[in-house]
Amino acid sequence: MSENREEKKNPRFCRRCLLEEADPEAYQRDLVSVLARMDRETRTPPAEYERRLDACRACGRLNAGTCEACGCYVELRAAVRRQKCPYRKW
């Protein structure tokens, strides 16, 4: 099989494009599942989690759910109590 045909069958996605190409409903289900399994000592309290997400939403470095500064998925990073924003917004 030629390289072109192989690429069409198994396209490569860059890290920034992956969420754009993913099924948004599946991503949401997976995110909810991960957050539900996170223990209380690890998890950011709900009000703080929302405050962090608000700061990310207002940031120009947010791109399709990821942080252009560090490459993380912001919803997961914000959910972990001990994590920090690389630009000290939270």
PDB file of N, CA and C in Angstrom:
ATOM      1  N   MET A   1       0.851  -1.190   0.000  1.00  0.00           N
ATOM      2  CA  MET A   1       0.000   0.000   0.000  1.00  0.00           C
ATOM      3  C   MET A   1       0.886   1.239   0.000  1.00  0.00           C
ATOM      4  N   SER A   2       0.538   2.202  -0.785  1.00  0.00           N
ATOM      5  CA  SER A   2       1.351   3.416  -0.866  1.00  0.00           C
ATOM      6  C   SER A   2       1.227   4.226   0.422  1.00  0.00           C
ATOM      7  N   GLU A   3       2.192   5.103   0.645  1.00  0.00           N
ATOM      8  CA  GLU A   3       2.178   5.937   1.852  1.00  0.00           C
ATOM      9  C   GLU A   3       0.947   6.845   1.884  1.00  0.00           C
ATOM     10  N   ASN A   4       0.552   7.400   0.745  1.00  0.00           N
ATOM     11  CA  ASN A   4      -0.630   8.254   0.683  1.00  0.00           C
ATOM     12  C   ASN A   4      -1.885   7.523   1.112  1.00  0.00           C
ATOM     13  N   ARG A   5      -2.068   6.315   0.628  1.00  0.00           N
ATOM     14  CA  ARG A   5      -3.249   5.531   1.010  1.00  0.00           C
ATOM     15  C   ARG A   5      -3.229   5.199   2.496  1.00  0.00           C
ATOM     16  N   GLU A   6      -2.062   4.879   3.006  1.00  0.00           N
ATOM     17  CA  GLU A   6      -1.933   4.557   4.431  1.00  0.00           C
ATOM     18  C   GLU A   6      -2.284   5.768   5.287  1.00  0.00           C
ATOM     19  N   GLU A   7      -1.832   6.947   4.890  1.00  0.00           N
ATOM     20  CA  GLU A   7      -2.144   8.157   5.639  1.00  0.00           C
ATOM     21  C   GLU A   7      -3.637   8.445   5.631  1.00  0.00           C
ATOM     22  N   LYS A   8      -4.312   8.166   4.533  1.00  0.00           N
ATOM     23  CA  LYS A   8      -5.752   8.386   4.458  1.00  0.00           C
ATOM     24  C   LYS A   8      -6.494   7.419   5.362  1.00  0.00           C
ATOM     25  N   LYS A   9      -6.013   6.185   5.484  1.00  0.00           N
ATOM     26  CA  LYS A   9      -6.657   5.200   6.360  1.00  0.00           C
ATOM     27  C   LYS A   9      -6.410   5.517   7.829  1.00  0.00           C
ATOM     28  N   ASN A  10      -5.213   5.941   8.144  1.00  0.00           N
ATOM     29  CA  ASN A  10      -4.806   6.217   9.523  1.00  0.00           C
ATOM     30  C   ASN A  10      -4.230   7.616   9.610  1.00  0.00           C
ATOM     31  N   PRO A  11      -5.078   8.637   9.521  1.00  0.00           N
ATOM     32  CA  PRO A  11      -4.541  10.006   9.526  1.00  0.00           C
ATOM     33  C   PRO A  11      -3.862  10.333  10.843  1.00  0.00           C
ATOM     34  N   ARG A  12      -2.811  11.129  10.760  1.00  0.00           N
ATOM     35  CA  ARG A  12      -2.112  11.599  11.956  1.00  0.00           C
ATOM     36  C   ARG A  12      -2.703  12.938  12.343  1.00  0.00           C
ATOM     37  N   PHE A  13      -2.902  13.127  13.624  1.00  0.00           N
ATOM     38  CA  PHE A  13      -3.452  14.380  14.115  1.00  0.00           C
ATOM     39  C   PHE A  13      -2.433  15.037  15.018  1.00  0.00           C
ATOM     40  N   CYS A  14      -2.255  16.303  14.823  1.00  0.00           N
ATOM     41  CA  CYS A  14      -1.375  17.020  15.737  1.00  0.00           C
ATOM     42  C   CYS A  14      -2.106  17.200  17.064  1.00  0.00           C
ATOM     43  N   ARG A  15      -1.371  17.481  18.101  1.00  0.00           N
ATOM     44  CA  ARG A  15      -1.947  17.629  19.432  1.00  0.00           C
ATOM     45  C   ARG A  15      -3.017  18.725  19.461  1.00  0.00           C
ATOM     46  N   ARG A  16      -2.812  19.777  18.731  1.00  0.00           N
ATOM     47  CA  ARG A  16      -3.753  20.890  18.736  1.00  0.00           C
ATOM     48  C   ARG A  16      -5.028  20.553  17.970  1.00  0.00           C
ATOM     49  N   CYS A  17      -4.958  19.654  17.010  1.00  0.00           N
ATOM     50  CA  CYS A  17      -6.122  19.338  16.189  1.00  0.00           C
ATOM     51  C   CYS A  17      -6.942  18.185  16.742  1.00  0.00           C
ATOM     52  N   LEU A  18      -6.412  17.439  17.650  1.00  0.00           N
ATOM     53  CA  LEU A  18      -7.073  16.234  18.129  1.00  0.00           C
ATOM     54  C   LEU A  18      -8.462  16.506  18.683  1.00  0.00           C
ATOM     55  N   LEU A  19      -8.621  17.488  19.535  1.00  0.00           N
ATOM     56  CA  LEU A  19      -9.943  17.777  20.077  1.00  0.00           C
ATOM     57  C   LEU A  19     -10.904  18.246  18.996  1.00  0.00           C
ATOM     58  N   GLU A  20     -10.380  18.976  18.032  1.00  0.00           N
ATOM     59  CA  GLU A  20     -11.205  19.463  16.937  1.00  0.00           C
ATOM     60  C   GLU A  20     -11.767  18.300  16.129  1.00  0.00           C
ATOM     61  N   GLU A  21     -10.986  17.243  15.992  1.00  0.00           N
ATOM     62  CA  GLU A  21     -11.402  16.089  15.203  1.00  0.00           C
ATOM     63  C   GLU A  21     -12.180  15.068  16.029  1.00  0.00           C
ATOM     64  N   ALA A  22     -12.102  15.155  17.322  1.00  0.00           N
ATOM     65  CA  ALA A  22     -12.742  14.176  18.210  1.00  0.00           C
ATOM     66  C   ALA A  22     -14.247  14.399  18.278  1.00  0.00           C
ATOM     67  N   ASP A  23     -14.932  13.372  18.701  1.00  0.00           N
ATOM     68  CA  ASP A  23     -16.374  13.453  18.934  1.00  0.00           C
ATOM     69  C   ASP A  23     -16.580  14.239  20.227  1.00  0.00           C
ATOM     70  N   PRO A  24     -17.185  15.419  20.173  1.00  0.00           N
ATOM     71  CA  PRO A  24     -17.340  16.250  21.372  1.00  0.00           C
ATOM     72  C   PRO A  24     -18.136  15.551  22.475  1.00  0.00           C
ATOM     73  N   GLU A  25     -19.112  14.750  22.117  1.00  0.00           N
ATOM     74  CA  GLU A  25     -19.898  14.046  23.131  1.00  0.00           C
ATOM     75  C   GLU A  25     -19.057  12.984  23.833  1.00  0.00           C
ATOM     76  N   ALA A  26     -18.222  12.285  23.074  1.00  0.00           N
ATOM     77  CA  ALA A  26     -17.346  11.275  23.673  1.00  0.00           C
ATOM     78  C   ALA A  26     -16.324  11.937  24.591  1.00  0.00           C
ATOM     79  N   TYR A  27     -15.766  13.069  24.161  1.00  0.00           N
ATOM     80  CA  TYR A  27     -14.811  13.795  24.989  1.00  0.00           C
ATOM     81  C   TYR A  27     -15.467  14.214  26.302  1.00  0.00           C
ATOM     82  N   GLN A  28     -16.676  14.738  26.223  1.00  0.00           N
ATOM     83  CA  GLN A  28     -17.395  15.178  27.425  1.00  0.00           C
ATOM     84  C   GLN A  28     -17.655  13.999  28.352  1.00  0.00           C
ATOM     85  N   ARG A  29     -18.081  12.867  27.802  1.00  0.00           N
ATOM     86  CA  ARG A  29     -18.325  11.672  28.630  1.00  0.00           C
ATOM     87  C   ARG A  29     -17.041  11.228  29.321  1.00  0.00           C
ATOM     88  N   ASP A  30     -15.940  11.199  28.566  1.00  0.00           N
ATOM     89  CA  ASP A  30     -14.658  10.776  29.138  1.00  0.00           C
ATOM     90  C   ASP A  30     -14.198  11.737  30.226  1.00  0.00           C
ATOM     91  N   LEU A  31     -14.354  13.020  29.988  1.00  0.00           N
ATOM     92  CA  LEU A  31     -13.968  14.025  30.971  1.00  0.00           C
ATOM     93  C   LEU A  31     -14.769  13.861  32.260  1.00  0.00           C
ATOM     94  N   VAL A  32     -16.069  13.713  32.133  1.00  0.00           N
ATOM     95  CA  VAL A  32     -16.936  13.529  33.308  1.00  0.00           C
ATOM     96  C   VAL A  32     -16.530  12.264  34.059  1.00  0.00           C
ATOM     97  N   SER A  33     -16.210  11.206  33.331  1.00  0.00           N
ATOM     98  CA  SER A  33     -15.803   9.945  33.956  1.00  0.00           C
ATOM     99  C   SER A  33     -14.498  10.103  34.740  1.00  0.00           C
ATOM    100  N   VAL A  34     -13.517  10.767  34.149  1.00  0.00           N
ATOM    101  CA  VAL A  34     -12.232  10.984  34.834  1.00  0.00           C
ATOM    102  C   VAL A  34     -12.435  11.825  36.084  1.00  0.00           C
ATOM    103  N   LEU A  35     -13.205  12.892  35.967  1.00  0.00           N
ATOM    104  CA  LEU A  35     -13.441  13.767  37.113  1.00  0.00           C
ATOM    105  C   LEU A  35     -14.190  13.039  38.229  1.00  0.00           C
ATOM    106  N   ALA A  36     -15.127  12.179  37.879  1.00  0.00           N
ATOM    107  CA  ALA A  36     -15.900  11.437  38.880  1.00  0.00           C
ATOM    108  C   ALA A  36     -15.024  10.444  39.645  1.00  0.00           C
ATOM    109  N   ARG A  37     -14.007   9.908  39.001  1.00  0.00           N
ATOM    110  CA  ARG A  37     -13.125   8.927  39.665  1.00  0.00           C
ATOM    111  C   ARG A  37     -12.021   9.575  40.482  1.00  0.00           C
ATOM    112  N   MET A  38     -11.829  10.866  40.333  1.00  0.00           N
ATOM    113  CA  MET A  38     -10.761  11.561  41.044  1.00  0.00           C
ATOM    114  C   MET A  38     -11.108  11.668  42.537  1.00  0.00           C
ATOM    115  N   ASP A  39     -10.153  11.304  43.406  1.00  0.00           N
ATOM    116  CA  ASP A  39     -10.440  11.355  44.840  1.00  0.00           C
ATOM    117  C   ASP A  39     -10.468  12.792  45.345  1.00  0.00           C
ATOM    118  N   ARG A  40     -11.116  12.998  46.484  1.00  0.00           N
ATOM    119  CA  ARG A  40     -11.321  14.351  47.031  1.00  0.00           C
ATOM    120  C   ARG A  40     -10.033  15.080  47.349  1.00  0.00           C
ATOM    121  N   GLU A  41      -9.023  14.356  47.777  1.00  0.00           N
ATOM    122  CA  GLU A  41      -7.750  15.007  48.117  1.00  0.00           C
ATOM    123  C   GLU A  41      -7.050  15.552  46.883  1.00  0.00           C
ATOM    124  N   THR A  42      -7.276  14.935  45.762  1.00  0.00           N
ATOM    125  CA  THR A  42      -6.646  15.348  44.502  1.00  0.00           C
ATOM    126  C   THR A  42      -7.446  16.434  43.807  1.00  0.00           C
ATOM    127  N   ARG A  43      -8.751  16.356  43.901  1.00  0.00           N
ATOM    128  CA  ARG A  43      -9.663  17.200  43.128  1.00  0.00           C
ATOM    129  C   ARG A  43      -9.761  18.621  43.685  1.00  0.00           C
ATOM    130  N   THR A  44      -9.798  19.574  42.795  1.00  0.00           N
ATOM    131  CA  THR A  44     -10.019  20.978  43.143  1.00  0.00           C
ATOM    132  C   THR A  44     -11.469  21.150  43.602  1.00  0.00           C
ATOM    133  N   PRO A  45     -11.737  21.893  44.667  1.00  0.00           N
ATOM    134  CA  PRO A  45     -13.123  22.137  45.077  1.00  0.00           C
ATOM    135  C   PRO A  45     -13.917  22.778  43.925  1.00  0.00           C
ATOM    136  N   PRO A  46     -15.217  22.474  43.815  1.00  0.00           N
ATOM    137  CA  PRO A  46     -16.032  22.940  42.680  1.00  0.00           C
ATOM    138  C   PRO A  46     -15.965  24.442  42.390  1.00  0.00           C
ATOM    139  N   ALA A  47     -16.053  25.288  43.400  1.00  0.00           N
ATOM    140  CA  ALA A  47     -16.022  26.737  43.165  1.00  0.00           C
ATOM    141  C   ALA A  47     -14.669  27.168  42.598  1.00  0.00           C
ATOM    142  N   GLU A  48     -13.595  26.593  43.113  1.00  0.00           N
ATOM    143  CA  GLU A  48     -12.252  26.917  42.619  1.00  0.00           C
ATOM    144  C   GLU A  48     -12.066  26.391  41.198  1.00  0.00           C
ATOM    145  N   TYR A  49     -12.590  25.214  40.914  1.00  0.00           N
ATOM    146  CA  TYR A  49     -12.521  24.637  39.566  1.00  0.00           C
ATOM    147  C   TYR A  49     -13.181  25.583  38.558  1.00  0.00           C
ATOM    148  N   GLU A  50     -14.351  26.070  38.877  1.00  0.00           N
ATOM    149  CA  GLU A  50     -15.056  26.998  37.985  1.00  0.00           C
ATOM    150  C   GLU A  50     -14.299  28.309  37.824  1.00  0.00           C
ATOM    151  N   ARG A  51     -13.705  28.802  38.907  1.00  0.00           N
ATOM    152  CA  ARG A  51     -12.909  30.026  38.831  1.00  0.00           C
ATOM    153  C   ARG A  51     -11.719  29.829  37.895  1.00  0.00           C
ATOM    154  N   ARG A  52     -11.070  28.678  38.002  1.00  0.00           N
ATOM    155  CA  ARG A  52      -9.939  28.370  37.127  1.00  0.00           C
ATOM    156  C   ARG A  52     -10.377  28.310  35.662  1.00  0.00           C
ATOM    157  N   LEU A  53     -11.488  27.623  35.416  1.00  0.00           N
ATOM    158  CA  LEU A  53     -11.977  27.521  34.038  1.00  0.00           C
ATOM    159  C   LEU A  53     -12.354  28.889  33.480  1.00  0.00           C
ATOM    160  N   ASP A  54     -12.935  29.743  34.302  1.00  0.00           N
ATOM    161  CA  ASP A  54     -13.267  31.099  33.858  1.00  0.00           C
ATOM    162  C   ASP A  54     -12.000  31.850  33.435  1.00  0.00           C
ATOM    163  N   ALA A  55     -10.925  31.683  34.204  1.00  0.00           N
ATOM    164  CA  ALA A  55      -9.652  32.332  33.854  1.00  0.00           C
ATOM    165  C   ALA A  55      -9.119  31.775  32.539  1.00  0.00           C
ATOM    166  N   CYS A  56      -9.263  30.476  32.326  1.00  0.00           N
ATOM    167  CA  CYS A  56      -8.801  29.861  31.072  1.00  0.00           C
ATOM    168  C   CYS A  56      -9.647  30.342  29.888  1.00  0.00           C
ATOM    169  N   ARG A  57     -10.955  30.437  30.101  1.00  0.00           N
ATOM    170  CA  ARG A  57     -11.839  30.914  29.024  1.00  0.00           C
ATOM    171  C   ARG A  57     -11.472  32.337  28.590  1.00  0.00           C
ATOM    172  N   ALA A  58     -11.028  33.147  29.525  1.00  0.00           N
ATOM    173  CA  ALA A  58     -10.681  34.537  29.238  1.00  0.00           C
ATOM    174  C   ALA A  58      -9.268  34.684  28.669  1.00  0.00           C
ATOM    175  N   CYS A  59      -8.508  33.607  28.679  1.00  0.00           N
ATOM    176  CA  CYS A  59      -7.108  33.653  28.247  1.00  0.00           C
ATOM    177  C   CYS A  59      -6.991  33.470  26.735  1.00  0.00           C
ATOM    178  N   GLY A  60      -6.145  34.236  26.124  1.00  0.00           N
ATOM    179  CA  GLY A  60      -5.904  34.138  24.689  1.00  0.00           C
ATOM    180  C   GLY A  60      -5.117  32.906  24.285  1.00  0.00           C
ATOM    181  N   ARG A  61      -4.610  32.161  25.246  1.00  0.00           N
ATOM    182  CA  ARG A  61      -3.830  30.957  24.939  1.00  0.00           C
ATOM    183  C   ARG A  61      -4.678  29.688  24.925  1.00  0.00           C
ATOM    184  N   LEU A  62      -5.965  29.816  25.186  1.00  0.00           N
ATOM    185  CA  LEU A  62      -6.869  28.668  25.131  1.00  0.00           C
ATOM    186  C   LEU A  62      -7.160  28.345  23.676  1.00  0.00           C
ATOM    187  N   ASN A  63      -6.970  27.085  23.298  1.00  0.00           N
ATOM    188  CA  ASN A  63      -7.191  26.670  21.916  1.00  0.00           C
ATOM    189  C   ASN A  63      -7.835  25.288  21.907  1.00  0.00           C
ATOM    190  N   ALA A  64      -9.119  25.234  21.604  1.00  0.00           N
ATOM    191  CA  ALA A  64      -9.849  23.962  21.490  1.00  0.00           C
ATOM    192  C   ALA A  64      -9.672  23.083  22.722  1.00  0.00           C
ATOM    193  N   GLY A  65      -9.753  23.673  23.890  1.00  0.00           N
ATOM    194  CA  GLY A  65      -9.668  22.899  25.125  1.00  0.00           C
ATOM    195  C   GLY A  65      -8.269  22.665  25.644  1.00  0.00           C
ATOM    196  N   THR A  66      -7.271  23.125  24.913  1.00  0.00           N
ATOM    197  CA  THR A  66      -5.902  22.949  25.365  1.00  0.00           C
ATOM    198  C   THR A  66      -5.244  24.305  25.592  1.00  0.00           C
ATOM    199  N   CYS A  67      -4.219  24.288  26.412  1.00  0.00           N
ATOM    200  CA  CYS A  67      -3.441  25.493  26.699  1.00  0.00           C
ATOM    201  C   CYS A  67      -2.260  25.536  25.739  1.00  0.00           C
ATOM    202  N   GLU A  68      -2.156  26.600  24.961  1.00  0.00           N
ATOM    203  CA  GLU A  68      -1.030  26.730  24.041  1.00  0.00           C
ATOM    204  C   GLU A  68       0.288  26.950  24.769  1.00  0.00           C
ATOM    205  N   ALA A  69       0.227  27.356  26.024  1.00  0.00           N
ATOM    206  CA  ALA A  69       1.444  27.587  26.792  1.00  0.00           C
ATOM    207  C   ALA A  69       2.116  26.282  27.205  1.00  0.00           C
ATOM    208  N   CYS A  70       1.316  25.298  27.616  1.00  0.00           N
ATOM    209  CA  CYS A  70       1.907  24.057  28.127  1.00  0.00           C
ATOM    210  C   CYS A  70       1.395  22.803  27.424  1.00  0.00           C
ATOM    211  N   GLY A  71       0.322  22.916  26.643  1.00  0.00           N
ATOM    212  CA  GLY A  71      -0.205  21.764  25.917  1.00  0.00           C
ATOM    213  C   GLY A  71      -1.191  20.916  26.694  1.00  0.00           C
ATOM    214  N   CYS A  72      -1.517  21.301  27.912  1.00  0.00           N
ATOM    215  CA  CYS A  72      -2.421  20.493  28.722  1.00  0.00           C
ATOM    216  C   CYS A  72      -3.874  20.671  28.281  1.00  0.00           C
ATOM    217  N   TYR A  73      -4.715  19.724  28.689  1.00  0.00           N
ATOM    218  CA  TYR A  73      -6.163  19.874  28.556  1.00  0.00           C
ATOM    219  C   TYR A  73      -6.601  20.663  29.784  1.00  0.00           C
ATOM    220  N   VAL A  74      -7.060  21.878  29.584  1.00  0.00           N
ATOM    221  CA  VAL A  74      -7.286  22.789  30.701  1.00  0.00           C
ATOM    222  C   VAL A  74      -8.301  22.270  31.702  1.00  0.00           C
ATOM    223  N   GLU A  75      -9.330  21.568  31.261  1.00  0.00           N
ATOM    224  CA  GLU A  75     -10.334  21.066  32.197  1.00  0.00           C
ATOM    225  C   GLU A  75      -9.740  20.032  33.150  1.00  0.00           C
ATOM    226  N   LEU A  76      -8.794  19.247  32.663  1.00  0.00           N
ATOM    227  CA  LEU A  76      -8.152  18.264  33.544  1.00  0.00           C
ATOM    228  C   LEU A  76      -7.134  18.932  34.458  1.00  0.00           C
ATOM    229  N   ARG A  77      -6.347  19.837  33.919  1.00  0.00           N
ATOM    230  CA  ARG A  77      -5.359  20.521  34.754  1.00  0.00           C
ATOM    231  C   ARG A  77      -6.046  21.312  35.858  1.00  0.00           C
ATOM    232  N   ALA A  78      -7.123  22.013  35.517  1.00  0.00           N
ATOM    233  CA  ALA A  78      -7.844  22.811  36.506  1.00  0.00           C
ATOM    234  C   ALA A  78      -8.477  21.941  37.586  1.00  0.00           C
ATOM    235  N   ALA A  79      -8.760  20.693  37.262  1.00  0.00           N
ATOM    236  CA  ALA A  79      -9.419  19.798  38.209  1.00  0.00           C
ATOM    237  C   ALA A  79      -8.488  19.260  39.288  1.00  0.00           C
ATOM    238  N   VAL A  80      -7.187  19.340  39.064  1.00  0.00           N
ATOM    239  CA  VAL A  80      -6.221  18.805  40.032  1.00  0.00           C
ATOM    240  C   VAL A  80      -5.771  19.935  40.955  1.00  0.00           C
ATOM    241  N   ARG A  81      -6.078  19.768  42.219  1.00  0.00           N
ATOM    242  CA  ARG A  81      -5.830  20.796  43.241  1.00  0.00           C
ATOM    243  C   ARG A  81      -4.419  21.376  43.188  1.00  0.00           C
ATOM    244  N   ARG A  82      -3.416  20.550  43.036  1.00  0.00           N
ATOM    245  CA  ARG A  82      -2.023  21.011  43.121  1.00  0.00           C
ATOM    246  C   ARG A  82      -1.465  21.573  41.807  1.00  0.00           C
ATOM    247  N   GLN A  83      -2.228  21.546  40.755  1.00  0.00           N
ATOM    248  CA  GLN A  83      -1.761  22.097  39.484  1.00  0.00           C
ATOM    249  C   GLN A  83      -1.812  23.620  39.503  1.00  0.00           C
ATOM    250  N   LYS A  84      -1.025  24.221  38.643  1.00  0.00           N
ATOM    251  CA  LYS A  84      -0.964  25.684  38.532  1.00  0.00           C
ATOM    252  C   LYS A  84      -1.018  26.068  37.061  1.00  0.00           C
ATOM    253  N   CYS A  85      -1.497  27.263  36.792  1.00  0.00           N
ATOM    254  CA  CYS A  85      -1.471  27.832  35.452  1.00  0.00           C
ATOM    255  C   CYS A  85      -0.027  28.257  35.169  1.00  0.00           C
ATOM    256  N   PRO A  86       0.511  27.917  33.983  1.00  0.00           N
ATOM    257  CA  PRO A  86       1.881  28.327  33.683  1.00  0.00           C
ATOM    258  C   PRO A  86       2.060  29.845  33.595  1.00  0.00           C
ATOM    259  N   TYR A  87       0.957  30.576  33.470  1.00  0.00           N
ATOM    260  CA  TYR A  87       1.020  32.030  33.426  1.00  0.00           C
ATOM    261  C   TYR A  87       0.487  32.663  34.705  1.00  0.00           C
ATOM    262  N   ARG A  88       0.360  31.861  35.733  1.00  0.00           N
ATOM    263  CA  ARG A  88      -0.040  32.303  37.085  1.00  0.00           C
ATOM    264  C   ARG A  88      -1.379  33.032  37.108  1.00  0.00           C
ATOM    265  N   LYS A  89      -2.316  32.591  36.265  1.00  0.00           N
ATOM    266  CA  LYS A  89      -3.664  33.178  36.277  1.00  0.00           C
ATOM    267  C   LYS A  89      -4.516  32.512  37.350  1.00  0.00           C
ATOM    268  N   TRP A  90      -4.060  31.359  37.837  1.00  0.00           N
ATOM    269  CA  TRP A  90      -4.687  30.687  38.976  1.00  0.00           C
ATOM    270  C   TRP A  90      -3.681  29.763  39.618  1.00  0.00           C
TER     271      TRP A  90
END
